[in-house]
Amino acid sequence: MANLGYGYTRQELVNMAWNYAVILEKRTKTNPLTLRWFDGFISRWPELRVLKPRGLEHLRAKSARAETVHNYFSNLSEVIAKYDLADKPHLIFNVDEKGISQNHSPPHVVAGKDVHPPAVTSGKSATTTIIGCGSAAGVAVPPFFVFQGARMRSDLLDGTSPGASGEVSETGWSNALIFRKYLQQHFIKHIPRDDHHVLLLMDGHSTHVSVGLIEWAKENKIVFFILPAHTSHILQPLDVGCYGPLQRIYNNECHKQMRLTSTVITRYNVGELASRAYTRAMSPENLQTAFKRTGIFPLDVAAIDPLTLTPAEVFKPVDISAEDSQPITNNGDAPQSETRVPQKETETHLEEMEAPPKEAGAPHKEIETSNFFNNRLVSLVKVKTEKEATKKPRKCLSKIVSGQCITNDDIENFVREHIVNKTTTKAPKKITKKIPKKSKNDNSQIAGPSGMNLHVANSSNQPDDSEPMEISEDEKCCRCGKFTPDEVRKSSVIIFTKWAQCDVCGHWVHLKYCDKLIAVRRGVEFKCIHCK
């Protein structure tokens, strides 16, 4: 279960062993096991240990399937053979982004046993992106920095590696324009320029794929190959062998900078510190080892550790009914179905250790004990796959380019067609106007300046030619014969129109526009122009 990414904690394992002991009639429900039993269990099985697992994203666990990896290597071998790159490691490159923060993570330090010392950091969390690249021969392209800001300054690159360059963005992350500038102005200057094609491996982020960039690559004999989606943790050389050391070295450099100087980490010295880490992490040994561990050079699918593909096994559907109906063999184990369910090493050891001798005449108990651990695996697979069957496949760009050479004519046409369909079928967003809620207790009418019952009309709410409204004659001004004065209708700003009712005829009149009065005071008689 731990190999699948859903291991048990110490207390969970103790509870599971207690439940199993109850089934075996070795314990009662009122006499549970404790962590003291766990200490003895671990001492009897030295191959087991308690450790903290590394985090693995859900999409990465689901996407790193064995068939995906095999299809990727099949397509990659065809591309390498097509362009005759099997013996040319200096022409195989990998490019990837790495984000670093000015608020670094403190490294391990030496301190006394009785203290837990703090580590002073800069406290700022602005992000700077490093676009790094290296070849299978161990040659690293100088770093390209993306700083957070609005205008690129030359002093941001002070102290950086020779040949380093940079750009700025609003967030400090790379985008499509910056990545294109990196390839056309930076990457192409540092790669071999001869008659051979150059293979560039990269992930399928949306900023890496565009029709214009593909056309530029074909003109410059650069072959773009996209890694399978969400598999960069096992298939991308820079992620596997270089960016981990880069992060640790960068944290050490920042810690040393904070101790030796009076400055904090800012965007004006982060480039210098990151360049030191980049030079050491992108060493020839690290690059060559990274390409070898990912099976790219030399090309070898067996270089991928099968344990890294195990978490994807729980997302394969399993026939639950067939699993439950399997007959029990002589040794009490249920035979495997066609869809293999991964076994848990820890549970197997526990079952072998605790299983009692089989007794004839107790078939129900035999079935219950033999399926105790297997049912846990089957229920895990059921939970993970029940929603996958109802999900509709997404029509996204990564489905087209994942694990493909996008500079091939067929894939380029698919990309072009997808972009055209996406722009033409995208429905415009509906703009809804929010209407403020009226208070339940607010039943009073709006009073004018004189306290009289005056109508207040908002020009923004007046009817226009596109939305005609029926207005009775009693609601119009008795002088101009209109609901809205011409001065208000032609205005480009919001104007509130005030009305007054004639005390003689009862008609309404626009104040200020159709009458000289601006306001009517309380108790003062008002007459329209026809009754004066």
Protein backbone atom coordinates (compact mmCIF):
# COMPACT_ATOMS: atom_id res chain seq x y z
CA MET A 1 0.00 0.00 0.00
CA ALA A 2 2.91 2.35 0.71
CA ASN A 3 4.28 1.75 -2.79
CA LEU A 4 0.93 2.86 -4.19
CA GLY A 5 1.16 6.19 -2.36
CA TYR A 6 -1.43 5.47 0.35
CA GLY A 7 0.63 3.92 3.16
CA TYR A 8 -0.60 3.39 6.71
CA THR A 9 0.60 5.31 9.74
CA ARG A 10 1.78 3.51 12.87
CA GLN A 11 -1.57 3.80 14.61
CA GLU A 12 -3.47 2.68 11.51
CA LEU A 13 -1.25 -0.39 11.23
CA VAL A 14 -1.80 -1.21 14.90
CA ASN A 15 -5.58 -0.92 14.46
CA MET A 16 -5.49 -3.10 11.36
CA ALA A 17 -3.44 -5.76 13.17
CA TRP A 18 -5.92 -5.65 16.06
CA ASN A 19 -8.87 -6.20 13.70
CA TYR A 20 -7.04 -9.08 12.05
CA ALA A 21 -6.25 -10.62 15.45
CA VAL A 22 -9.94 -10.42 16.36
CA ILE A 23 -10.83 -12.31 13.17
CA LEU A 24 -8.22 -14.95 14.07
CA GLU A 25 -9.68 -15.09 17.61
CA LYS A 26 -6.29 -14.12 19.03
CA ARG A 27 -7.68 -10.94 20.59
CA THR A 28 -11.00 -9.61 21.75
CA LYS A 29 -12.61 -6.31 20.86
CA THR A 30 -12.07 -5.11 24.42
CA ASN A 31 -8.34 -5.87 24.38
CA PRO A 32 -6.74 -3.73 21.64
CA LEU A 33 -3.12 -3.66 20.56
CA THR A 34 -0.91 -0.69 21.43
CA LEU A 35 2.12 1.05 19.99
CA ARG A 36 4.25 -1.11 22.25
CA TRP A 37 3.23 -4.09 20.10
CA PHE A 38 4.28 -2.07 17.04
CA ASP A 39 7.80 -1.58 18.44
CA GLY A 40 8.15 -5.31 18.84
CA PHE A 41 6.73 -5.91 15.36
CA ILE A 42 9.27 -3.57 13.77
CA SER A 43 12.13 -5.21 15.68
CA ARG A 44 11.09 -8.64 14.35
CA TRP A 45 10.94 -7.40 10.76
CA PRO A 46 14.10 -5.30 10.13
CA GLU A 47 13.23 -4.79 6.44
CA LEU A 48 10.35 -2.54 7.55
CA ARG A 49 10.86 0.99 8.79
CA VAL A 50 8.93 4.18 9.53
CA LEU A 51 9.73 7.05 7.19
CA LYS A 52 8.17 10.23 5.83
CA PRO A 53 7.22 9.79 2.14
CA ARG A 54 7.79 12.49 -0.44
CA GLY A 55 4.76 14.22 -1.84
CA LEU A 56 3.39 13.14 -5.22
CA GLU A 57 0.67 15.14 -6.98
CA HIS A 58 -2.55 13.35 -7.86
CA LEU A 59 -2.21 14.03 -11.60
CA ARG A 60 1.37 12.74 -11.63
CA ALA A 61 0.39 9.58 -9.78
CA LYS A 62 -2.43 8.95 -12.26
CA SER A 63 -0.54 9.85 -15.45
CA ALA A 64 2.70 7.89 -14.95
CA ARG A 65 1.36 4.66 -16.45
CA ALA A 66 3.51 1.90 -17.92
CA GLU A 67 1.79 2.07 -21.32
CA THR A 68 2.31 5.86 -21.45
CA VAL A 69 6.03 5.46 -20.80
CA HIS A 70 6.39 2.70 -23.41
CA ASN A 71 4.58 4.75 -26.07
CA TYR A 72 6.81 7.71 -25.25
CA PHE A 73 10.00 5.71 -25.72
CA SER A 74 8.64 4.19 -28.92
CA ASN A 75 8.01 7.64 -30.42
CA LEU A 76 11.33 8.97 -29.12
CA SER A 77 13.28 6.09 -30.67
CA GLU A 78 11.64 6.80 -34.04
CA VAL A 79 12.63 10.47 -33.86
CA ILE A 80 16.22 9.67 -32.85
CA ALA A 81 16.53 7.18 -35.69
CA LYS A 82 14.93 9.55 -38.21
CA TYR A 83 17.39 12.36 -37.52
CA ASP A 84 20.41 10.09 -36.82
CA LEU A 85 20.97 11.25 -33.23
CA ALA A 86 21.77 7.92 -31.57
CA ASP A 87 25.50 8.74 -31.34
CA LYS A 88 25.21 12.54 -31.05
CA PRO A 89 24.55 13.46 -27.39
CA HIS A 90 25.72 17.03 -28.02
CA LEU A 91 22.61 17.56 -30.17
CA ILE A 92 20.04 16.33 -27.60
CA PHE A 93 18.87 19.07 -25.21
CA ASN A 94 16.31 19.48 -22.45
CA VAL A 95 14.83 22.84 -21.42
CA ASP A 96 12.75 23.56 -18.33
CA GLU A 97 11.81 26.38 -15.96
CA LYS A 98 12.71 26.51 -12.28
CA GLY A 99 11.16 29.00 -9.87
CA ILE A 100 13.15 30.29 -6.90
CA SER A 101 12.02 32.56 -4.09
CA GLN A 102 13.85 35.39 -2.37
CA ASN A 103 12.60 33.96 0.92
CA HIS A 104 14.80 30.86 0.86
CA SER A 105 14.32 27.69 2.89
CA PRO A 106 16.98 27.45 5.62
CA PRO A 107 19.43 24.53 5.27
CA HIS A 108 20.42 22.12 8.04
CA VAL A 109 22.80 23.68 10.58
CA VAL A 110 24.89 22.40 13.48
CA ALA A 111 23.54 23.38 16.92
CA GLY A 112 23.30 22.16 20.48
CA LYS A 113 21.14 19.24 21.49
CA ASP A 114 18.92 21.27 23.80
CA VAL A 115 18.04 24.12 21.40
CA HIS A 116 16.05 24.50 18.21
CA PRO A 117 17.72 27.53 16.60
CA PRO A 118 16.02 29.91 14.15
CA ALA A 119 17.38 30.86 10.75
CA VAL A 120 17.11 34.47 9.57
CA THR A 121 15.61 34.91 6.09
CA SER A 122 14.82 37.94 3.96
CA GLY A 123 11.06 37.58 4.45
CA LYS A 124 10.22 38.55 0.87
CA SER A 125 8.48 36.04 -1.33
CA ALA A 126 8.95 37.44 -4.86
CA THR A 127 9.52 34.74 -7.46
CA THR A 128 12.30 34.64 -10.03
CA THR A 129 12.27 32.02 -12.79
CA ILE A 130 15.36 30.35 -14.22
CA ILE A 131 15.04 28.90 -17.71
CA GLY A 132 17.75 26.27 -17.82
CA CYS A 133 18.91 23.97 -20.57
CA GLY A 134 21.57 21.28 -20.98
CA SER A 135 22.62 18.56 -23.39
CA ALA A 136 23.17 14.84 -22.96
CA ALA A 137 26.89 15.46 -23.50
CA GLY A 138 27.01 17.52 -20.29
CA VAL A 139 27.08 21.02 -21.79
CA ALA A 140 24.88 23.59 -20.02
CA VAL A 141 23.38 26.61 -21.73
CA PRO A 142 23.88 29.84 -19.70
CA PRO A 143 20.87 30.64 -17.51
CA PHE A 144 18.05 32.93 -18.56
CA PHE A 145 16.31 34.80 -15.71
CA VAL A 146 12.75 36.11 -15.55
CA PHE A 147 12.52 38.79 -12.87
CA GLN A 148 9.37 40.26 -11.40
CA GLY A 149 8.91 43.84 -12.57
CA ALA A 150 7.78 46.15 -15.36
CA ARG A 151 11.11 47.24 -16.88
CA MET A 152 14.32 45.29 -17.45
CA ARG A 153 17.39 46.85 -15.82
CA SER A 154 20.96 45.90 -16.60
CA ASP A 155 21.96 45.84 -12.92
CA LEU A 156 19.62 42.87 -12.35
CA LEU A 157 22.23 40.73 -14.14
CA ASP A 158 25.23 41.96 -12.15
CA GLY A 159 27.35 39.04 -10.97
CA THR A 160 25.55 36.43 -13.08
CA SER A 161 27.24 33.74 -15.16
CA PRO A 162 28.96 34.73 -18.44
CA GLY A 163 26.44 34.65 -21.26
CA ALA A 164 23.44 34.90 -18.93
CA SER A 165 20.47 37.00 -20.03
CA GLY A 166 17.10 37.94 -18.65
CA GLU A 167 13.67 39.49 -19.02
CA VAL A 168 10.92 40.78 -16.73
CA SER A 169 7.28 39.85 -16.30
CA GLU A 170 4.51 41.03 -14.01
CA THR A 171 4.56 37.85 -11.90
CA GLY A 172 8.15 36.67 -12.28
CA TRP A 173 7.02 33.58 -14.17
CA SER A 174 7.71 32.81 -17.80
CA ASN A 175 5.09 33.22 -20.52
CA ALA A 176 4.75 32.48 -24.23
CA LEU A 177 6.47 35.68 -25.37
CA ILE A 178 9.39 35.26 -22.99
CA PHE A 179 9.89 31.61 -23.91
CA ARG A 180 9.91 32.47 -27.59
CA LYS A 181 12.46 35.22 -26.96
CA TYR A 182 14.57 32.73 -25.00
CA LEU A 183 14.67 30.28 -27.92
CA GLN A 184 15.17 32.83 -30.70
CA GLN A 185 17.71 35.09 -28.99
CA HIS A 186 19.40 33.02 -26.27
CA PHE A 187 19.15 29.27 -26.87
CA ILE A 188 20.05 29.36 -30.53
CA LYS A 189 23.32 31.22 -29.79
CA HIS A 190 24.66 28.44 -27.53
CA ILE A 191 23.86 25.29 -29.50
CA PRO A 192 25.93 23.70 -32.30
CA ARG A 193 25.06 25.30 -35.63
CA ASP A 194 25.77 22.77 -38.36
CA ASP A 195 23.74 20.80 -40.86
CA HIS A 196 22.41 18.36 -38.25
CA HIS A 197 19.06 18.67 -36.51
CA VAL A 198 18.92 19.51 -32.80
CA LEU A 199 16.46 17.60 -30.58
CA LEU A 200 14.87 19.71 -27.83
CA LEU A 201 12.87 17.89 -25.14
CA MET A 202 10.42 19.92 -23.03
CA ASP A 203 7.13 19.59 -21.19
CA GLY A 204 3.81 20.40 -22.84
CA HIS A 205 3.03 23.66 -21.05
CA SER A 206 0.82 25.99 -23.07
CA THR A 207 3.62 28.58 -23.27
CA HIS A 208 5.83 26.04 -25.12
CA VAL A 209 3.42 25.15 -27.93
CA SER A 210 2.34 27.52 -30.69
CA VAL A 211 2.12 27.32 -34.47
CA GLY A 212 4.53 30.21 -34.97
CA LEU A 213 7.13 28.64 -32.72
CA ILE A 214 6.84 25.30 -34.52
CA GLU A 215 7.37 26.99 -37.90
CA TRP A 216 10.44 28.82 -36.56
CA ALA A 217 11.87 25.56 -35.20
CA LYS A 218 11.47 23.79 -38.55
CA GLU A 219 13.23 26.64 -40.33
CA ASN A 220 16.19 26.37 -37.92
CA LYS A 221 16.36 22.53 -37.90
CA ILE A 222 15.22 22.22 -34.29
CA VAL A 223 13.04 19.22 -33.43
CA PHE A 224 10.52 19.81 -30.64
CA PHE A 225 9.59 16.69 -28.66
CA ILE A 226 6.98 17.04 -25.91
CA LEU A 227 7.19 14.83 -22.84
CA PRO A 228 4.03 13.00 -21.71
CA ALA A 229 1.80 15.15 -19.52
CA HIS A 230 2.49 15.10 -15.77
CA THR A 231 5.49 12.75 -16.05
CA SER A 232 8.34 15.24 -15.76
CA HIS A 233 9.25 13.86 -12.31
CA ILE A 234 10.46 10.64 -13.95
CA LEU A 235 11.12 11.55 -17.61
CA GLN A 236 12.55 15.09 -17.62
CA PRO A 237 16.34 15.09 -17.08
CA LEU A 238 16.59 18.52 -15.45
CA ASP A 239 13.86 17.67 -12.91
CA VAL A 240 15.38 14.26 -12.15
CA GLY A 241 19.05 15.12 -11.75
CA CYS A 242 19.72 18.88 -11.71
CA TYR A 243 17.02 21.08 -10.21
CA GLY A 244 16.99 19.27 -6.87
CA PRO A 245 20.69 20.01 -6.24
CA LEU A 246 20.15 23.53 -7.62
CA GLN A 247 17.51 24.29 -4.97
CA ARG A 248 19.70 22.98 -2.13
CA ILE A 249 22.77 24.88 -3.31
CA TYR A 250 20.71 28.06 -3.74
CA ASN A 251 19.39 27.77 -0.17
CA ASN A 252 22.95 27.34 1.13
CA GLU A 253 24.18 30.36 -0.84
CA CYS A 254 21.34 32.53 0.46
CA HIS A 255 21.99 31.38 4.04
CA LYS A 256 25.67 32.22 3.67
CA GLN A 257 24.83 35.61 2.12
CA MET A 258 22.59 36.51 5.04
CA ARG A 259 25.37 35.62 7.51
CA LEU A 260 28.33 37.30 5.79
CA THR A 261 26.67 40.56 4.67
CA SER A 262 24.20 43.09 6.01
CA THR A 263 21.92 42.84 2.98
CA VAL A 264 18.84 40.72 2.40
CA ILE A 265 17.96 38.72 -0.69
CA THR A 266 16.46 41.01 -3.33
CA ARG A 267 15.97 40.82 -7.07
CA TYR A 268 19.27 42.68 -7.50
CA ASN A 269 21.40 39.91 -5.96
CA VAL A 270 19.21 36.83 -6.55
CA GLY A 271 20.67 36.47 -10.04
CA GLU A 272 24.22 36.25 -8.70
CA LEU A 273 23.28 33.68 -6.05
CA ALA A 274 21.24 31.62 -8.49
CA SER A 275 24.07 31.65 -11.04
CA ARG A 276 26.43 30.08 -8.50
CA ALA A 277 23.90 27.34 -7.83
CA TYR A 278 23.19 26.89 -11.54
CA THR A 279 26.86 26.43 -12.44
CA ARG A 280 27.39 23.76 -9.78
CA ALA A 281 24.09 21.94 -10.28
CA MET A 282 24.32 21.86 -14.09
CA SER A 283 27.72 20.21 -14.04
CA PRO A 284 28.66 17.72 -16.80
CA GLU A 285 28.39 14.82 -14.35
CA ASN A 286 24.87 15.79 -13.24
CA LEU A 287 23.63 16.36 -16.80
CA GLN A 288 25.02 13.08 -18.13
CA THR A 289 23.61 11.17 -15.17
CA ALA A 290 20.21 12.86 -15.56
CA PHE A 291 19.89 11.87 -19.22
CA LYS A 292 20.96 8.34 -18.35
CA ARG A 293 18.48 7.97 -15.45
CA THR A 294 15.62 9.11 -17.67
CA GLY A 295 16.59 6.61 -20.38
CA ILE A 296 17.14 9.25 -23.08
CA PHE A 297 20.86 8.77 -23.72
CA PRO A 298 21.65 6.01 -24.09
CA LEU A 299 18.07 5.18 -25.07
CA ASP A 300 16.85 2.58 -22.58
CA VAL A 301 13.29 2.16 -21.32
CA ALA A 302 14.58 -0.15 -18.56
CA ALA A 303 16.24 2.85 -16.91
CA ILE A 304 12.85 3.93 -15.52
CA ASP A 305 12.31 2.47 -12.07
CA PRO A 306 9.12 0.32 -12.14
CA LEU A 307 8.28 1.49 -8.60
CA THR A 308 7.70 5.02 -9.93
CA LEU A 309 4.89 3.64 -12.11
CA THR A 310 3.18 1.71 -9.30
CA PRO A 311 0.86 4.53 -8.02
CA ALA A 312 -0.94 4.54 -11.39
CA GLU A 313 -2.03 0.94 -10.90
CA VAL A 314 -4.90 1.90 -8.56
CA PHE A 315 -6.50 3.98 -11.32
CA LYS A 316 -7.01 0.90 -13.51
CA PRO A 317 -10.53 -0.56 -13.29
CA VAL A 318 -10.97 -3.92 -11.57
CA ASP A 319 -13.88 -6.35 -11.81
CA ILE A 320 -15.18 -6.35 -8.25
CA SER A 321 -17.79 -9.04 -8.82
CA ALA A 322 -15.24 -11.41 -10.32
CA GLU A 323 -12.91 -10.73 -7.40
CA ASP A 324 -15.56 -11.63 -4.86
CA SER A 325 -16.57 -14.80 -6.69
CA GLN A 326 -13.06 -16.26 -6.91
CA PRO A 327 -12.73 -19.71 -5.32
CA ILE A 328 -10.35 -20.15 -2.43
CA THR A 329 -7.35 -22.34 -3.15
CA ASN A 330 -5.91 -24.93 -0.85
CA ASN A 331 -3.52 -22.50 0.80
CA GLY A 332 -6.32 -20.03 1.55
CA ASP A 333 -5.28 -17.38 -0.99
CA ALA A 334 -7.63 -15.96 -3.60
CA PRO A 335 -6.26 -16.37 -7.14
CA GLN A 336 -5.44 -13.24 -9.12
CA SER A 337 -7.96 -11.88 -11.64
CA GLU A 338 -7.05 -10.71 -15.12
CA THR A 339 -6.61 -7.16 -13.84
CA ARG A 340 -3.74 -7.41 -11.43
CA VAL A 341 -4.10 -5.67 -8.08
CA PRO A 342 -0.71 -4.68 -6.60
CA GLN A 343 0.15 -6.45 -3.38
CA LYS A 344 1.31 -4.68 -0.26
CA GLU A 345 4.59 -5.96 1.07
CA THR A 346 3.93 -4.98 4.66
CA GLU A 347 0.50 -6.59 4.72
CA THR A 348 1.89 -9.78 3.16
CA HIS A 349 4.47 -10.09 5.92
CA LEU A 350 1.83 -9.47 8.55
CA GLU A 351 -0.48 -12.07 7.02
CA GLU A 352 2.28 -14.69 6.90
CA MET A 353 3.27 -13.97 10.48
CA GLU A 354 -0.19 -13.95 12.05
CA ALA A 355 -2.09 -16.50 9.93
CA PRO A 356 -3.05 -19.56 12.02
CA PRO A 357 -3.14 -23.14 10.76
CA LYS A 358 -6.14 -23.85 8.56
CA GLU A 359 -8.90 -25.85 10.20
CA ALA A 360 -11.14 -28.14 8.21
CA GLY A 361 -14.81 -27.41 8.69
CA ALA A 362 -14.37 -23.63 9.01
CA PRO A 363 -14.65 -22.41 5.39
CA HIS A 364 -16.32 -19.11 6.29
CA LYS A 365 -13.50 -18.13 8.63
CA GLU A 366 -10.92 -19.21 6.03
CA ILE A 367 -12.46 -16.98 3.38
CA GLU A 368 -12.74 -14.03 5.76
CA THR A 369 -9.09 -14.17 6.81
CA SER A 370 -7.71 -14.73 3.31
CA ASN A 371 -9.57 -11.72 1.89
CA PHE A 372 -8.79 -9.42 4.82
CA PHE A 373 -5.92 -7.59 3.06
CA ASN A 374 -6.99 -8.17 -0.53
CA ASN A 375 -10.34 -6.47 0.07
CA ARG A 376 -8.55 -3.32 1.19
CA LEU A 377 -6.72 -3.14 -2.12
CA VAL A 378 -9.88 -3.85 -4.09
CA SER A 379 -11.80 -1.12 -2.23
CA LEU A 380 -8.97 1.35 -2.90
CA VAL A 381 -9.09 0.60 -6.63
CA LYS A 382 -12.87 0.94 -6.61
CA VAL A 383 -12.73 4.34 -4.92
CA LYS A 384 -10.15 5.66 -7.37
CA THR A 385 -11.81 4.37 -10.53
CA GLU A 386 -15.52 4.91 -9.91
CA LYS A 387 -15.34 8.59 -10.94
CA GLU A 388 -12.93 8.04 -13.82
CA ALA A 389 -15.52 6.08 -15.80
CA THR A 390 -18.04 8.95 -15.68
CA LYS A 391 -15.61 11.71 -16.67
CA LYS A 392 -15.82 13.03 -20.21
CA PRO A 393 -12.49 13.29 -22.08
CA ARG A 394 -11.23 16.84 -22.30
CA LYS A 395 -10.40 18.36 -25.66
CA CYS A 396 -7.21 20.14 -24.65
CA LEU A 397 -3.91 20.77 -26.42
CA SER A 398 -1.94 18.49 -24.10
CA LYS A 399 -3.93 15.48 -25.37
CA ILE A 400 -2.56 16.15 -28.86
CA VAL A 401 1.09 16.97 -28.13
CA SER A 402 1.72 14.68 -25.15
CA GLY A 403 4.60 12.34 -25.97
CA GLN A 404 4.77 13.53 -29.59
CA CYS A 405 7.20 15.31 -31.90
CA ILE A 406 5.24 18.47 -32.67
CA THR A 407 7.52 19.51 -35.54
CA ASN A 408 6.19 16.56 -37.57
CA ASP A 409 3.75 17.71 -40.22
CA ASP A 410 0.88 15.56 -38.95
CA ILE A 411 1.11 16.78 -35.35
CA GLU A 412 1.58 20.37 -36.52
CA ASN A 413 -1.65 20.14 -38.52
CA PHE A 414 -3.48 18.76 -35.47
CA VAL A 415 -2.18 21.65 -33.37
CA ARG A 416 -3.20 24.19 -35.96
CA GLU A 417 -6.67 22.65 -36.29
CA HIS A 418 -7.14 22.59 -32.52
CA ILE A 419 -6.21 26.26 -32.16
CA VAL A 420 -8.56 27.27 -34.99
CA ASN A 421 -11.45 25.28 -33.53
CA LYS A 422 -10.82 26.68 -30.08
CA THR A 423 -10.97 30.28 -31.29
CA THR A 424 -14.06 29.78 -33.47
CA THR A 425 -16.17 27.74 -31.06
CA LYS A 426 -15.50 29.81 -27.99
CA ALA A 427 -18.79 31.39 -26.94
CA PRO A 428 -18.75 35.01 -25.78
CA LYS A 429 -19.21 35.60 -22.11
CA LYS A 430 -22.60 36.82 -21.00
CA ILE A 431 -22.48 40.08 -19.09
CA THR A 432 -25.06 40.10 -16.34
CA LYS A 433 -25.96 43.28 -14.55
CA LYS A 434 -26.25 42.97 -10.81
CA ILE A 435 -29.34 44.60 -9.34
CA PRO A 436 -28.95 45.73 -5.74
CA LYS A 437 -31.37 44.13 -3.33
CA LYS A 438 -34.00 46.38 -1.82
CA SER A 439 -34.45 46.33 1.91
CA LYS A 440 -37.60 44.57 3.12
CA ASN A 441 -38.44 47.44 5.50
CA ASP A 442 -37.88 50.17 2.90
CA ASN A 443 -41.40 50.91 1.61
CA SER A 444 -41.18 54.69 1.63
CA GLN A 445 -40.91 56.82 -1.50
CA ILE A 446 -37.95 59.09 -2.14
CA ALA A 447 -38.62 62.65 -1.01
CA GLY A 448 -37.38 65.75 -2.81
CA PRO A 449 -35.50 68.68 -1.22
CA SER A 450 -38.77 70.40 -0.19
CA GLY A 451 -40.25 67.29 1.41
CA MET A 452 -42.91 66.99 -1.30
CA ASN A 453 -43.68 63.79 -3.21
CA LEU A 454 -41.29 64.29 -6.15
CA HIS A 455 -40.38 61.80 -8.90
CA VAL A 456 -36.62 61.18 -9.35
CA ALA A 457 -35.60 59.80 -12.75
CA ASN A 458 -32.16 58.37 -13.48
CA SER A 459 -31.00 58.99 -17.01
CA SER A 460 -29.08 55.72 -17.06
CA ASN A 461 -32.35 53.85 -16.55
CA GLN A 462 -34.29 55.75 -19.21
CA PRO A 463 -35.59 53.88 -22.25
CA ASP A 464 -33.61 54.13 -25.46
CA ASP A 465 -34.36 53.29 -29.08
CA SER A 466 -33.15 49.70 -28.68
CA GLU A 467 -35.47 48.96 -25.74
CA PRO A 468 -38.75 50.88 -26.23
CA MET A 469 -41.09 51.24 -23.27
CA GLU A 470 -44.72 52.27 -23.19
CA ILE A 471 -45.11 55.55 -21.23
CA SER A 472 -48.57 56.92 -20.55
CA GLU A 473 -49.37 60.59 -21.09
CA ASP A 474 -49.87 61.13 -17.37
CA GLU A 475 -46.23 60.18 -16.75
CA LYS A 476 -44.87 62.73 -19.24
CA CYS A 477 -44.05 66.38 -18.58
CA CYS A 478 -47.02 68.62 -19.34
CA ARG A 479 -44.77 71.25 -20.93
CA CYS A 480 -42.23 69.32 -23.12
CA GLY A 481 -44.40 66.22 -23.51
CA LYS A 482 -41.43 63.92 -22.77
CA PHE A 483 -40.44 61.63 -19.94
CA THR A 484 -36.75 62.64 -20.12
CA PRO A 485 -35.58 66.18 -20.97
CA ASP A 486 -33.39 66.53 -24.08
CA GLU A 487 -30.55 67.95 -21.99
CA VAL A 488 -30.49 64.82 -19.85
CA ARG A 489 -30.84 62.40 -22.77
CA LYS A 490 -27.88 63.89 -24.65
CA SER A 491 -25.65 64.04 -21.58
CA SER A 492 -22.72 61.59 -21.20
CA VAL A 493 -22.94 61.55 -17.39
CA ILE A 494 -25.60 60.46 -14.94
CA ILE A 495 -28.11 63.25 -14.15
CA PHE A 496 -31.04 62.93 -11.79
CA THR A 497 -34.21 64.65 -13.00
CA LYS A 498 -36.57 66.20 -10.45
CA TRP A 499 -40.32 66.51 -10.92
CA ALA A 500 -43.06 68.60 -9.26
CA GLN A 501 -46.85 68.08 -9.35
CA CYS A 502 -49.19 70.97 -10.12
CA ASP A 503 -51.61 71.62 -7.24
CA VAL A 504 -54.36 72.72 -9.70
CA CYS A 505 -54.40 70.24 -12.62
CA GLY A 506 -52.32 67.47 -11.08
CA HIS A 507 -49.88 67.19 -14.03
CA TRP A 508 -46.14 66.73 -13.55
CA VAL A 509 -43.39 69.12 -14.68
CA HIS A 510 -39.59 68.85 -15.01
CA LEU A 511 -37.97 71.23 -12.53
CA LYS A 512 -35.00 73.29 -13.78
CA TYR A 513 -35.49 72.20 -17.41
CA CYS A 514 -39.18 72.98 -18.04
CA ASP A 515 -39.69 75.39 -15.15
CA LYS A 516 -37.58 78.15 -13.65
CA LEU A 517 -37.83 76.65 -10.16
CA ILE A 518 -35.11 74.25 -9.04
CA ALA A 519 -36.89 73.03 -5.90
CA VAL A 520 -40.29 73.42 -4.24
CA ARG A 521 -40.40 74.12 -0.53
CA ARG A 522 -42.80 72.49 1.87
CA GLY A 523 -46.19 74.27 2.15
CA VAL A 524 -45.64 76.41 -0.96
CA GLU A 525 -48.26 76.11 -3.71
CA PHE A 526 -46.91 75.01 -7.10
CA LYS A 527 -48.64 75.69 -10.44
CA CYS A 528 -47.59 74.54 -13.86
CA ILE A 529 -47.23 76.91 -16.80
CA HIS A 530 -50.78 76.16 -17.96
CA CYS A 531 -52.37 77.04 -14.60
CA LYS A 532 -50.41 80.16 -13.75
